[in-house]
Amino acid sequence: MEKHMRSDKMTKGPSAAPRLALMKALGLTDEEIDRPLIGIVSSKNDIVPGHMNLDKVVDAVKQGVALAGGVPLVFPAIAVCDGLAMGHEGMKYSLVSRELIADSTESMAIAHPFDGLVMVAACDKNVPGLMMAAARINIPTIIVSGGPMLGGYFKGHKVTVSSVFEAVGTFHAGKMSAEELGGLVNEACPTCGSCAGMFTANSMNCMTEVLGIALPGNGTIPAVMSERIRLAKKTGMRIMDLVRDNVLPRDIMTRKAFENALMLDMALGCSTNSMLHLPAIAHECGIEIDLAEANEISKRTPNLCHLSPAGEDTMMDLDRAGGIPAVMHELAKLGHLNLDCMTVTGKTVGENIKGHEVLNNEVIRPVTNPFMKEGGIAVLKGNLAPDGSVVKRSAVDPAMMVHQGPARVFDCEDDAIAAIYGGKINPGDVVVIRYEGPKGGPGMREMLNPTSAIIGAGLGSTVALITDGRFSGASRGASIGHVSPEAAEGGPIALVHEGDQIAIDINGNTLNVLVSDEELARRKAEWKPRKPKITTGYLVRYAKLVSSGMKGAVLS
């Protein structure tokens, strides 16, 4: 195989002699140095359950690269576990780690000019972070994940980590014993892998397939399956073809590919975090996504899957039902998918999904009998969210699709949690958590604890929650996030008073506070910016540079 020229700037010519000496110090032979050099970005660590098996995946990728004539060279990426960071200051560092991952990968890949990259990812922020880096660096690249966790069983029901978060609320409400809670803890997360439902990690791993930057199966093959290792080997072999043909990420992740991603997002009922990450990845591709498009796509895209937290099915169930190719094959019957998009397989989307019929119509509903006629995510606008907000419609109780109630206002997540656990939230209330946006948090914390507390207390059909922060993919209920402009920028959410009536119409895509324009203007004139919560370190720089959540929370 003829070596591409990218690494020649590091290895060719008399001036390369000092660099060659350093490469010899690695134990590389002349024959290896003369072959394509493939960087393997590994986010393996010992603290994230979705990453504990990545050493096995990386070894398989290395074998695949070597089998196809390349030289694999591994370097690291960080990864934060959202579940472990949840509910304390650590969550401020979750979303912001996406930018660190993209920036550090860019640094490594350009400082050491590889001929191609294989990105081994798994969880919430390192998947989109690495995809952003792939688009930014724009050399031949392919992604492979560690795979999803298997779901657990407890008292005859399928359970996931979201079941445990909700159980904490049930325990605080006096409806579950400590012994029962402990039993659930032992059963909910039985294997390694990214948490078993259609949460953020699995949502984004499915998006790698849809966007065409990963091989089919990447989103759904469980972490513990030998098929995952075979997929990693095939990924290692496939990168050599991409290098030979000089197929670049931006050749694959086109506007039409992002349109497909938004459609599959709606069909699958993905995490609302996808509405942060897809625009950010597109931005690195030079493509700007207006999330108002999401509602138009939703109108023509039925919701075909109700995976946890919307239902009990897990990623294993989706995989056995045919995985992402089957969902795309079913959705293609409506004639809206862009089937001519190229993928890393060397084939088009249409060629990849041909013949992939759905194997279980209870897990993947037919387009003629969907769970919902419209997609799983909705963007709401109104005087409370002039720039928009996002809700996972597929996980909302039907009774809460239209709701009006008094605002219960909290200036941080912690105060809201104390009120919910303290029994101070009443049926009909609208919990407002503000100053938790990208700038105000800073870092836009996830609100899985308060949403789970509401569900666990039995208030999921009567209480809504809105925030300028965001939600875990494991959240369910009338949980409306990304409210923009955020409170820290003087957005209307900063002007809400305790007891104001808030009107939510998810069907009509509106979110309003029932206060006159004149009164809002008066409150705005009296509003003063809050002092920063964090005054040192990376978060200070992040808060100065980050954009709105509705624009992907990218750095300017």
Protein backbone atom coordinates (compact mmCIF):
# COMPACT_ATOMS: atom_id res chain seq x y z
CA MET A 1 0.00 0.00 0.00
CA GLU A 2 1.44 3.37 -1.00
CA LYS A 3 1.82 5.61 2.01
CA HIS A 4 -0.08 8.89 1.99
CA MET A 5 2.01 12.05 2.22
CA ARG A 6 0.73 13.45 5.54
CA SER A 7 3.34 11.81 7.74
CA ASP A 8 6.10 12.41 5.17
CA LYS A 9 6.64 15.87 6.67
CA MET A 10 7.72 14.06 9.85
CA THR A 11 9.67 11.18 8.28
CA LYS A 12 11.12 12.20 4.90
CA GLY A 13 14.22 14.13 3.85
CA PRO A 14 17.54 14.99 5.54
CA SER A 15 15.83 17.38 7.97
CA ALA A 16 13.80 14.45 9.32
CA ALA A 17 16.90 12.82 10.82
CA PRO A 18 16.34 14.05 14.41
CA ARG A 19 12.69 12.99 14.26
CA LEU A 20 13.67 9.59 12.88
CA ALA A 21 16.06 9.16 15.78
CA LEU A 22 13.21 9.79 18.21
CA MET A 23 10.99 7.33 16.35
CA LYS A 24 13.75 4.74 16.56
CA ALA A 25 13.67 5.33 20.32
CA LEU A 26 10.09 4.03 20.20
CA GLY A 27 11.41 0.77 18.79
CA LEU A 28 10.00 1.44 15.33
CA THR A 29 11.81 -0.15 12.39
CA ASP A 30 12.53 1.47 9.05
CA GLU A 31 9.82 -0.71 7.54
CA GLU A 32 7.24 0.57 10.05
CA ILE A 33 8.26 4.20 9.65
CA ASP A 34 7.77 3.83 5.90
CA ARG A 35 4.19 2.59 6.32
CA PRO A 36 1.04 4.67 6.98
CA LEU A 37 1.06 5.87 10.59
CA ILE A 38 -2.39 5.57 12.18
CA GLY A 39 -3.16 7.47 15.37
CA ILE A 40 -5.54 5.65 17.70
CA VAL A 41 -7.22 8.00 20.15
CA SER A 42 -8.22 6.02 23.25
CA SER A 43 -10.34 7.39 26.08
CA LYS A 44 -9.68 4.32 28.20
CA ASN A 45 -9.65 4.97 31.95
CA ASP A 46 -10.43 3.12 35.17
CA ILE A 47 -13.24 5.34 36.51
CA VAL A 48 -15.84 5.31 33.71
CA PRO A 49 -17.79 2.02 33.30
CA GLY A 50 -18.20 2.67 29.59
CA HIS A 51 -14.44 2.84 29.19
CA MET A 52 -13.15 -0.06 31.25
CA ASN A 53 -13.19 -2.38 28.22
CA LEU A 54 -11.61 0.06 25.78
CA ASP A 55 -8.18 -1.52 26.15
CA LYS A 56 -9.63 -4.66 24.52
CA VAL A 57 -11.22 -2.56 21.77
CA VAL A 58 -7.97 -0.66 21.18
CA ASP A 59 -6.00 -3.92 20.95
CA ALA A 60 -8.47 -5.16 18.33
CA VAL A 61 -8.18 -1.92 16.36
CA LYS A 62 -4.39 -2.20 16.45
CA GLN A 63 -4.60 -5.74 15.09
CA GLY A 64 -6.87 -4.56 12.30
CA VAL A 65 -4.54 -1.71 11.36
CA ALA A 66 -1.52 -4.03 11.35
CA LEU A 67 -3.37 -6.68 9.33
CA ALA A 68 -4.06 -4.08 6.65
CA GLY A 69 -0.46 -2.83 6.54
CA GLY A 70 -0.49 0.17 8.83
CA VAL A 71 1.33 1.08 12.03
CA PRO A 72 -0.97 1.83 15.01
CA LEU A 73 0.18 4.46 17.51
CA VAL A 74 -2.04 5.08 20.55
CA PHE A 75 -2.54 8.36 22.39
CA PRO A 76 -5.10 9.27 25.10
CA ALA A 77 -8.22 11.38 25.48
CA ILE A 78 -9.96 12.17 28.75
CA ALA A 79 -13.52 11.17 29.59
CA VAL A 80 -15.90 12.25 32.36
CA CYS A 81 -18.63 9.89 33.62
CA ASP A 82 -21.80 11.96 33.81
CA GLY A 83 -23.37 9.52 36.24
CA LEU A 84 -20.50 9.79 38.69
CA ALA A 85 -20.31 13.58 38.26
CA MET A 86 -24.06 14.01 38.75
CA GLY A 87 -25.40 16.05 41.63
CA HIS A 88 -22.21 17.83 42.73
CA GLU A 89 -19.66 20.36 41.46
CA GLY A 90 -18.12 17.74 39.18
CA MET A 91 -21.05 18.05 36.76
CA LYS A 92 -19.84 21.55 35.87
CA TYR A 93 -16.87 19.83 34.22
CA SER A 94 -18.81 17.36 32.08
CA LEU A 95 -19.96 19.38 29.07
CA VAL A 96 -16.81 21.51 29.15
CA SER A 97 -14.70 18.36 28.79
CA ARG A 98 -16.05 18.05 25.24
CA GLU A 99 -13.99 21.08 24.21
CA LEU A 100 -10.90 19.81 26.02
CA ILE A 101 -11.19 16.49 24.21
CA ALA A 102 -11.55 18.16 20.81
CA ASP A 103 -8.71 20.61 21.47
CA SER A 104 -6.26 18.04 22.85
CA THR A 105 -6.96 15.60 20.02
CA GLU A 106 -6.36 18.38 17.49
CA SER A 107 -3.07 19.18 19.23
CA MET A 108 -1.86 15.58 19.14
CA ALA A 109 -2.96 14.87 15.58
CA ILE A 110 -1.34 17.95 14.09
CA ALA A 111 1.79 17.93 16.24
CA HIS A 112 2.37 14.35 15.06
CA PRO A 113 1.04 14.27 11.48
CA PHE A 114 -0.70 10.91 11.25
CA ASP A 115 -1.97 9.53 7.98
CA GLY A 116 -5.28 8.57 9.54
CA LEU A 117 -7.09 8.35 12.88
CA VAL A 118 -9.21 5.75 14.65
CA MET A 119 -11.14 7.24 17.55
CA VAL A 120 -12.08 4.80 20.30
CA ALA A 121 -14.85 6.40 22.31
CA ALA A 122 -17.70 5.41 24.60
CA CYS A 123 -19.50 7.98 26.72
CA ASP A 124 -21.33 11.27 26.85
CA LYS A 125 -18.81 13.95 25.93
CA ASN A 126 -15.89 12.09 24.43
CA VAL A 127 -18.00 10.77 21.53
CA PRO A 128 -19.10 14.24 20.32
CA GLY A 129 -15.75 15.74 21.35
CA LEU A 130 -13.89 13.29 19.16
CA MET A 131 -16.35 13.79 16.31
CA MET A 132 -15.74 17.54 16.56
CA ALA A 133 -12.00 16.88 16.41
CA ALA A 134 -12.45 14.59 13.40
CA ALA A 135 -14.23 17.35 11.50
CA ARG A 136 -11.75 20.02 12.57
CA ILE A 137 -8.61 18.02 11.72
CA ASN A 138 -10.23 16.55 8.59
CA ILE A 139 -7.87 13.68 7.82
CA PRO A 140 -9.16 10.13 7.16
CA THR A 141 -10.92 9.11 10.38
CA ILE A 142 -13.26 6.42 11.65
CA ILE A 143 -14.88 5.99 15.06
CA VAL A 144 -15.54 2.83 17.06
CA SER A 145 -17.15 2.77 20.50
CA GLY A 146 -16.83 0.43 23.45
CA GLY A 147 -20.50 -0.49 23.14
CA PRO A 148 -23.52 -0.24 25.43
CA MET A 149 -24.00 -1.93 28.80
CA LEU A 150 -26.48 -4.74 29.19
CA GLY A 151 -29.60 -3.84 31.14
CA GLY A 152 -30.35 -5.34 34.52
CA TYR A 153 -33.39 -7.05 36.03
CA PHE A 154 -34.97 -6.28 39.38
CA LYS A 155 -38.19 -7.81 40.67
CA GLY A 156 -39.17 -8.96 37.19
CA HIS A 157 -38.55 -5.63 35.44
CA LYS A 158 -35.80 -4.39 33.15
CA VAL A 159 -33.78 -1.71 34.93
CA THR A 160 -30.97 0.71 34.09
CA VAL A 161 -29.05 3.37 35.97
CA SER A 162 -31.99 5.76 35.46
CA SER A 163 -34.09 3.37 37.54
CA VAL A 164 -31.70 3.96 40.45
CA PHE A 165 -31.81 7.74 40.14
CA GLU A 166 -35.61 7.61 40.21
CA ALA A 167 -35.55 5.15 43.10
CA VAL A 168 -33.73 7.72 45.22
CA GLY A 169 -36.75 9.99 44.83
CA THR A 170 -39.05 7.10 45.67
CA PHE A 171 -36.98 6.39 48.79
CA HIS A 172 -37.12 10.03 49.91
CA ALA A 173 -40.89 9.97 49.37
CA GLY A 174 -41.10 7.03 51.80
CA LYS A 175 -42.25 4.61 49.10
CA MET A 176 -39.14 2.38 49.02
CA SER A 177 -37.07 0.84 51.79
CA ALA A 178 -33.31 1.14 52.11
CA GLU A 179 -33.05 -2.63 51.53
CA GLU A 180 -34.97 -2.40 48.26
CA LEU A 181 -32.84 0.52 47.11
CA GLY A 182 -29.68 -1.44 47.89
CA GLY A 183 -30.98 -4.44 45.97
CA LEU A 184 -31.67 -2.28 42.91
CA VAL A 185 -28.17 -0.77 43.13
CA ASN A 186 -26.69 -4.26 42.83
CA GLU A 187 -28.75 -5.20 39.75
CA ALA A 188 -29.07 -2.06 37.63
CA CYS A 189 -25.64 -1.94 35.96
CA PRO A 190 -24.54 -5.57 35.46
CA THR A 191 -21.73 -5.11 32.90
CA CYS A 192 -19.25 -2.63 31.53
CA GLY A 193 -20.37 -0.34 28.73
CA SER A 194 -22.16 2.95 28.20
CA CYS A 195 -25.35 2.96 30.31
CA ALA A 196 -27.96 0.67 28.80
CA GLY A 197 -30.74 3.04 27.70
CA MET A 198 -31.07 5.64 24.96
CA PHE A 199 -29.14 8.08 27.08
CA THR A 200 -26.60 10.58 25.74
CA ALA A 201 -23.70 8.18 25.18
CA ASN A 202 -25.75 5.69 23.21
CA SER A 203 -27.62 8.46 21.40
CA MET A 204 -24.35 9.86 20.11
CA ASN A 205 -22.88 6.44 19.29
CA CYS A 206 -25.99 5.80 17.19
CA MET A 207 -25.40 9.17 15.52
CA THR A 208 -21.89 8.04 14.48
CA GLU A 209 -23.57 5.33 12.42
CA VAL A 210 -26.20 7.65 10.96
CA LEU A 211 -23.66 10.32 10.05
CA GLY A 212 -21.60 7.61 8.35
CA ILE A 213 -18.40 8.08 10.37
CA ALA A 214 -18.57 4.59 11.97
CA LEU A 215 -19.30 1.09 10.71
CA PRO A 216 -22.83 -0.34 11.05
CA GLY A 217 -23.40 -1.83 14.48
CA ASN A 218 -21.24 0.70 16.28
CA GLY A 219 -24.16 2.20 18.18
CA THR A 220 -25.83 -0.96 19.45
CA ILE A 221 -23.54 -4.02 19.67
CA PRO A 222 -23.17 -4.59 23.44
CA ALA A 223 -19.81 -4.01 25.07
CA VAL A 224 -19.53 -7.59 26.31
CA MET A 225 -20.09 -9.25 22.92
CA SER A 226 -17.29 -10.74 20.86
CA GLU A 227 -18.94 -9.06 17.87
CA ARG A 228 -17.74 -5.76 19.36
CA ILE A 229 -14.13 -6.97 19.10
CA ARG A 230 -14.67 -8.11 15.52
CA LEU A 231 -16.14 -4.69 14.71
CA ALA A 232 -13.03 -3.03 16.17
CA LYS A 233 -10.75 -5.19 14.01
CA LYS A 234 -12.80 -4.33 10.91
CA THR A 235 -12.57 -0.66 11.88
CA GLY A 236 -8.78 -0.91 12.07
CA MET A 237 -8.67 -2.51 8.65
CA ARG A 238 -11.12 -0.04 7.16
CA ILE A 239 -9.11 3.05 8.12
CA MET A 240 -6.39 1.87 5.75
CA ASP A 241 -8.85 2.01 2.85
CA LEU A 242 -9.92 5.51 3.86
CA VAL A 243 -6.26 6.60 3.95
CA ARG A 244 -5.59 5.06 0.56
CA ASP A 245 -8.61 6.77 -1.00
CA ASN A 246 -8.18 10.00 1.02
CA VAL A 247 -11.79 9.94 2.24
CA LEU A 248 -12.18 12.79 4.73
CA PRO A 249 -14.71 13.34 7.55
CA ARG A 250 -16.16 16.42 5.88
CA ASP A 251 -16.73 14.37 2.72
CA ILE A 252 -19.01 12.15 4.82
CA MET A 253 -20.55 14.49 7.42
CA THR A 254 -22.40 16.73 4.97
CA ARG A 255 -25.55 18.79 5.48
CA LYS A 256 -27.62 15.91 4.10
CA ALA A 257 -25.97 13.57 6.61
CA PHE A 258 -26.92 15.92 9.46
CA GLU A 259 -30.49 16.01 8.15
CA ASN A 260 -30.48 12.20 8.40
CA ALA A 261 -29.11 12.47 11.94
CA LEU A 262 -31.93 14.79 13.01
CA MET A 263 -34.49 12.40 11.50
CA LEU A 264 -33.03 9.38 13.29
CA ASP A 265 -32.81 11.44 16.47
CA MET A 266 -36.58 11.92 16.25
CA ALA A 267 -37.28 8.29 15.36
CA LEU A 268 -35.12 6.89 18.15
CA GLY A 269 -36.16 9.36 20.86
CA CYS A 270 -32.57 10.33 21.64
CA SER A 271 -31.24 12.39 24.52
CA THR A 272 -31.90 16.14 24.35
CA ASN A 273 -28.11 16.47 24.61
CA SER A 274 -28.01 15.51 20.94
CA MET A 275 -29.44 18.98 20.33
CA LEU A 276 -26.23 20.35 21.86
CA HIS A 277 -23.81 18.01 20.16
CA LEU A 278 -25.13 17.76 16.58
CA PRO A 279 -24.93 21.56 16.05
CA ALA A 280 -21.44 21.60 17.60
CA ILE A 281 -20.19 18.82 15.32
CA ALA A 282 -21.84 20.47 12.30
CA HIS A 283 -20.18 23.78 13.25
CA GLU A 284 -16.77 22.10 12.98
CA CYS A 285 -17.80 20.87 9.53
CA GLY A 286 -18.59 24.45 8.49
CA ILE A 287 -22.32 23.74 8.63
CA GLU A 288 -24.68 25.81 10.79
CA ILE A 289 -27.81 24.04 12.05
CA ASP A 290 -30.81 26.10 13.09
CA LEU A 291 -32.59 23.96 15.66
CA ALA A 292 -35.88 25.42 14.48
CA GLU A 293 -35.41 22.88 11.67
CA ALA A 294 -35.89 20.15 14.27
CA ASN A 295 -39.63 20.86 14.57
CA GLU A 296 -40.11 20.68 10.80
CA ILE A 297 -38.21 17.39 10.65
CA SER A 298 -40.18 16.14 13.66
CA LYS A 299 -43.50 16.77 11.89
CA ARG A 300 -42.57 14.28 9.18
CA THR A 301 -40.64 11.80 11.35
CA PRO A 302 -42.57 9.38 13.58
CA ASN A 303 -41.12 8.18 16.87
CA LEU A 304 -40.47 4.46 16.35
CA CYS A 305 -38.62 3.49 19.55
CA HIS A 306 -39.36 3.84 23.27
CA LEU A 307 -36.09 2.79 24.84
CA SER A 308 -35.24 3.53 28.48
CA PRO A 309 -36.07 6.04 29.94
CA ALA A 310 -39.18 6.36 27.74
CA GLY A 311 -39.85 2.61 28.10
CA GLU A 312 -38.19 -0.53 29.47
CA ASP A 313 -36.34 -1.64 26.33
CA THR A 314 -32.54 -1.34 26.33
CA MET A 315 -29.85 -1.03 23.68
CA MET A 316 -29.53 -4.83 23.65
CA ASP A 317 -33.17 -5.02 22.61
CA LEU A 318 -32.58 -2.48 19.85
CA ASP A 319 -29.55 -4.42 18.62
CA ARG A 320 -31.50 -7.68 18.49
CA ALA A 321 -34.32 -5.92 16.65
CA GLY A 322 -31.92 -5.00 13.84
CA GLY A 323 -30.11 -1.97 15.22
CA ILE A 324 -29.71 1.36 13.48
CA PRO A 325 -29.74 -0.11 9.93
CA ALA A 326 -33.22 -1.54 10.63
CA VAL A 327 -34.50 1.77 12.03
CA MET A 328 -33.15 3.58 8.97
CA HIS A 329 -34.60 0.92 6.63
CA GLU A 330 -38.01 1.40 8.21
CA LEU A 331 -37.80 5.19 8.19
CA ALA A 332 -36.68 5.18 4.55
CA LYS A 333 -40.16 3.91 3.61
CA LEU A 334 -41.42 7.47 4.13
CA GLY A 335 -39.07 8.75 1.44
CA HIS A 336 -37.37 11.45 3.53
CA LEU A 337 -33.94 9.93 4.27
CA ASN A 338 -31.00 11.02 2.13
CA LEU A 339 -29.97 7.59 0.86
CA ASP A 340 -27.15 8.86 -1.37
CA CYS A 341 -24.93 10.02 1.52
CA MET A 342 -21.49 8.35 1.51
CA THR A 343 -20.21 6.50 4.59
CA VAL A 344 -16.93 5.04 5.83
CA THR A 345 -17.99 1.64 4.50
CA GLY A 346 -17.35 3.00 1.00
CA LYS A 347 -21.06 2.53 0.32
CA THR A 348 -24.00 4.89 0.48
CA VAL A 349 -26.58 4.92 3.26
CA GLY A 350 -29.05 3.26 0.90
CA GLU A 351 -26.61 0.45 0.11
CA ASN A 352 -25.76 -0.03 3.80
CA ILE A 353 -29.38 -0.45 4.94
CA LYS A 354 -30.66 -2.52 2.01
CA GLY A 355 -32.36 -5.69 3.26
CA HIS A 356 -32.13 -4.75 6.96
CA GLU A 357 -35.70 -5.48 7.93
CA VAL A 358 -36.96 -4.89 11.46
CA LEU A 359 -36.81 -8.11 13.50
CA ASN A 360 -39.04 -7.04 16.40
CA ASN A 361 -41.94 -4.67 15.79
CA GLU A 362 -42.42 -4.07 19.50
CA VAL A 363 -38.94 -2.55 19.84
CA ILE A 364 -38.87 -0.80 16.45
CA ARG A 365 -42.40 0.10 15.50
CA PRO A 366 -43.40 0.21 11.81
CA VAL A 367 -43.94 3.68 10.34
CA THR A 368 -47.62 2.77 10.00
CA ASN A 369 -47.94 2.21 13.77
CA PRO A 370 -45.43 4.47 15.56
CA PHE A 371 -45.33 5.30 19.25
CA MET A 372 -45.96 8.92 18.23
CA LYS A 373 -46.75 10.45 14.86
CA GLU A 374 -44.15 13.16 15.46
CA GLY A 375 -40.54 12.82 16.53
CA GLY A 376 -39.13 12.29 20.00
CA ILE A 377 -37.67 15.79 20.50
CA ALA A 378 -39.37 19.18 20.29
CA VAL A 379 -38.01 22.73 20.31
CA LEU A 380 -40.22 25.18 22.22
CA LYS A 381 -40.15 28.96 21.87
CA GLY A 382 -42.04 31.83 23.48
CA ASN A 383 -41.49 34.83 25.72
CA LEU A 384 -39.73 32.60 28.26
CA ALA A 385 -37.40 31.12 25.63
CA PRO A 386 -37.14 33.55 22.70
CA ASP A 387 -34.17 31.66 21.23
CA GLY A 388 -35.61 28.25 22.05
CA SER A 389 -35.61 25.36 24.49
CA VAL A 390 -35.61 21.58 24.11
CA VAL A 391 -37.74 18.73 25.51
CA LYS A 392 -37.64 14.96 24.99
CA ARG A 393 -41.28 14.68 23.95
CA SER A 394 -41.22 10.90 23.70
CA ALA A 395 -40.52 10.63 27.45
CA VAL A 396 -43.25 13.06 28.60
CA ASP A 397 -46.41 11.81 30.29
CA PRO A 398 -49.35 12.52 27.94
CA ALA A 399 -51.02 14.48 30.75
CA MET A 400 -48.14 16.97 30.69
CA MET A 401 -48.02 17.75 26.98
CA VAL A 402 -50.04 20.88 27.79
CA HIS A 403 -49.61 22.31 31.28
CA GLN A 404 -50.01 25.56 33.17
CA GLY A 405 -48.91 26.14 36.73
CA PRO A 406 -47.16 28.41 39.22
CA ALA A 407 -43.42 28.91 39.00
CA ARG A 408 -41.30 27.59 41.86
CA VAL A 409 -38.05 29.43 41.33
CA PHE A 410 -34.56 28.22 42.31
CA ASP A 411 -31.24 29.83 41.42
CA CYS A 412 -29.33 26.54 41.46
CA GLU A 413 -29.95 22.81 41.17
CA ASP A 414 -29.03 22.11 44.79
CA ASP A 415 -31.83 24.30 46.21
CA ALA A 416 -34.37 22.65 43.92
CA ILE A 417 -33.30 19.17 45.02
CA ALA A 418 -33.67 20.13 48.68
CA ALA A 419 -37.19 21.42 48.04
CA ILE A 420 -38.26 18.30 46.13
CA TYR A 421 -36.85 15.91 48.73
CA GLY A 422 -38.35 18.11 51.44
CA GLY A 423 -41.87 17.65 50.05
CA LYS A 424 -42.22 21.34 49.20
CA ILE A 425 -43.18 20.83 45.54
CA ASN A 426 -46.90 20.41 44.91
CA PRO A 427 -48.89 18.88 42.05
CA GLY A 428 -49.28 21.44 39.26
CA ASP A 429 -46.06 23.33 40.04
CA VAL A 430 -43.49 24.32 37.43
CA VAL A 431 -40.01 24.04 38.91
CA VAL A 432 -37.65 26.67 37.43
CA ILE A 433 -33.91 26.11 37.86
CA ARG A 434 -31.81 28.96 36.52
CA TYR A 435 -28.24 30.28 36.47
CA GLU A 436 -27.17 26.77 35.43
CA GLY A 437 -26.57 27.55 31.72
CA PRO A 438 -23.28 27.36 29.80
CA LYS A 439 -22.11 30.71 31.18
CA GLY A 440 -24.08 30.84 34.41
CA GLY A 441 -23.27 27.38 35.76
CA PRO A 442 -20.76 27.60 34.38
CA GLY A 443 -20.80 24.38 32.41
CA MET A 444 -24.55 23.71 31.99
CA ARG A 445 -25.04 20.98 34.57
CA GLU A 446 -27.35 18.05 33.84
CA MET A 447 -30.51 17.88 35.95
CA LEU A 448 -31.03 14.13 36.28
CA ASN A 449 -31.27 14.33 40.07
CA PRO A 450 -34.23 16.75 40.20
CA THR A 451 -36.08 15.11 37.31
CA SER A 452 -35.61 11.69 38.90
CA ALA A 453 -36.70 13.08 42.27
CA ILE A 454 -39.90 14.38 40.70
CA ILE A 455 -40.62 11.05 39.00
CA GLY A 456 -39.68 9.08 42.11
CA ALA A 457 -42.03 11.17 44.26
CA GLY A 458 -44.91 10.30 41.95
CA LEU A 459 -45.19 13.82 40.50
CA GLY A 460 -44.21 13.01 36.91
CA SER A 461 -47.76 13.49 35.62
CA THR A 462 -48.36 16.80 37.43
CA VAL A 463 -45.07 18.73 37.77
CA ALA A 464 -42.87 20.25 35.03
CA LEU A 465 -39.26 21.40 35.25
CA ILE A 466 -37.63 24.06 33.10
CA THR A 467 -34.00 25.17 33.17
CA ASP A 468 -31.28 26.98 31.28
CA GLY A 469 -29.18 23.93 32.16
CA ARG A 470 -29.61 20.58 30.47
CA PHE A 471 -30.88 17.09 31.13
CA SER A 472 -29.33 13.66 31.12
CA GLY A 473 -30.54 11.32 28.42
CA ALA A 474 -31.85 9.29 31.35
CA SER A 475 -34.28 12.06 32.34
CA ARG A 476 -37.96 11.72 31.60
CA GLY A 477 -41.05 13.78 32.26
CA ALA A 478 -41.91 17.35 31.25
CA SER A 479 -38.26 18.38 31.50
CA ILE A 480 -37.51 21.41 29.34
CA GLY A 481 -33.86 22.43 29.06
CA HIS A 482 -31.48 24.69 27.15
CA VAL A 483 -33.78 27.68 27.79
CA SER A 484 -32.14 30.51 25.87
CA PRO A 485 -31.07 33.22 26.41
CA GLU A 486 -29.88 31.91 29.74
CA ALA A 487 -30.32 33.68 33.07
CA ALA A 488 -26.67 34.75 33.29
CA GLU A 489 -27.18 36.79 30.11
CA GLY A 490 -30.37 38.40 31.42
CA GLY A 491 -32.69 36.08 29.51
CA PRO A 492 -36.39 36.04 30.46
CA ILE A 493 -35.85 33.00 32.69
CA ALA A 494 -33.91 35.36 35.01
CA LEU A 495 -37.01 37.56 35.30
CA VAL A 496 -39.48 34.90 36.48
CA HIS A 497 -40.90 35.47 39.96
CA GLU A 498 -42.17 32.87 42.41
CA GLY A 499 -45.82 32.18 41.62
CA ASP A 500 -45.81 33.48 38.02
CA GLN A 501 -48.01 31.31 35.83
CA ILE A 502 -46.04 29.39 33.22
CA ALA A 503 -47.77 27.90 30.19
CA ILE A 504 -46.23 24.89 28.43
CA ASP A 505 -47.61 23.56 25.14
CA ILE A 506 -45.34 20.82 23.82
CA ASN A 507 -47.79 20.00 21.03
CA GLY A 508 -47.78 23.65 19.97
CA ASN A 509 -44.03 24.11 20.56
CA THR A 510 -44.49 27.06 22.94
CA LEU A 511 -43.14 28.06 26.36
CA ASN A 512 -44.42 31.26 27.95
CA VAL A 513 -44.57 33.07 31.27
CA LEU A 514 -47.96 34.73 31.59
CA VAL A 515 -46.64 38.18 32.40
CA SER A 516 -47.16 41.28 30.26
CA ASP A 517 -44.42 42.61 28.03
CA GLU A 518 -44.45 45.82 30.05
CA GLU A 519 -43.89 43.95 33.33
CA LEU A 520 -41.07 41.88 31.82
CA ALA A 521 -39.44 45.09 30.56
CA ARG A 522 -39.70 46.62 34.05
CA ARG A 523 -38.11 43.54 35.62
CA LYS A 524 -35.38 43.53 32.97
CA ALA A 525 -34.50 47.15 33.81
CA GLU A 526 -34.08 46.17 37.46
CA TRP A 527 -32.09 42.98 36.77
CA LYS A 528 -28.40 42.92 37.64
CA PRO A 529 -25.86 40.25 36.57
CA ARG A 530 -24.81 37.76 39.23
CA LYS A 531 -21.25 37.49 40.43
CA PRO A 532 -19.50 34.46 38.86
CA LYS A 533 -19.79 31.26 40.90
CA ILE A 534 -16.33 30.14 39.81
CA THR A 535 -13.42 32.59 39.79
CA THR A 536 -10.38 30.45 38.95
CA GLY A 537 -9.34 27.79 36.43
CA TYR A 538 -10.66 26.49 33.16
CA LEU A 539 -14.33 27.21 33.85
CA VAL A 540 -13.62 30.96 33.99
CA ARG A 541 -12.15 30.89 30.48
CA TYR A 542 -14.98 28.61 29.30
CA ALA A 543 -17.69 30.95 30.60
CA LYS A 544 -16.14 33.89 28.73
CA LEU A 545 -16.06 32.07 25.39
CA VAL A 546 -19.07 29.72 25.34
CA SER A 547 -22.12 30.34 23.14
CA SER A 548 -25.80 29.68 23.83
CA GLY A 549 -27.01 26.14 24.46
CA MET A 550 -29.27 26.52 21.41
CA LYS A 551 -26.15 27.06 19.31
CA GLY A 552 -24.42 23.95 20.62
CA ALA A 553 -22.52 25.63 23.48
CA VAL A 554 -19.47 25.94 21.23
CA LEU A 555 -16.52 28.17 22.06
CA SER A 556 -16.12 31.36 20.06
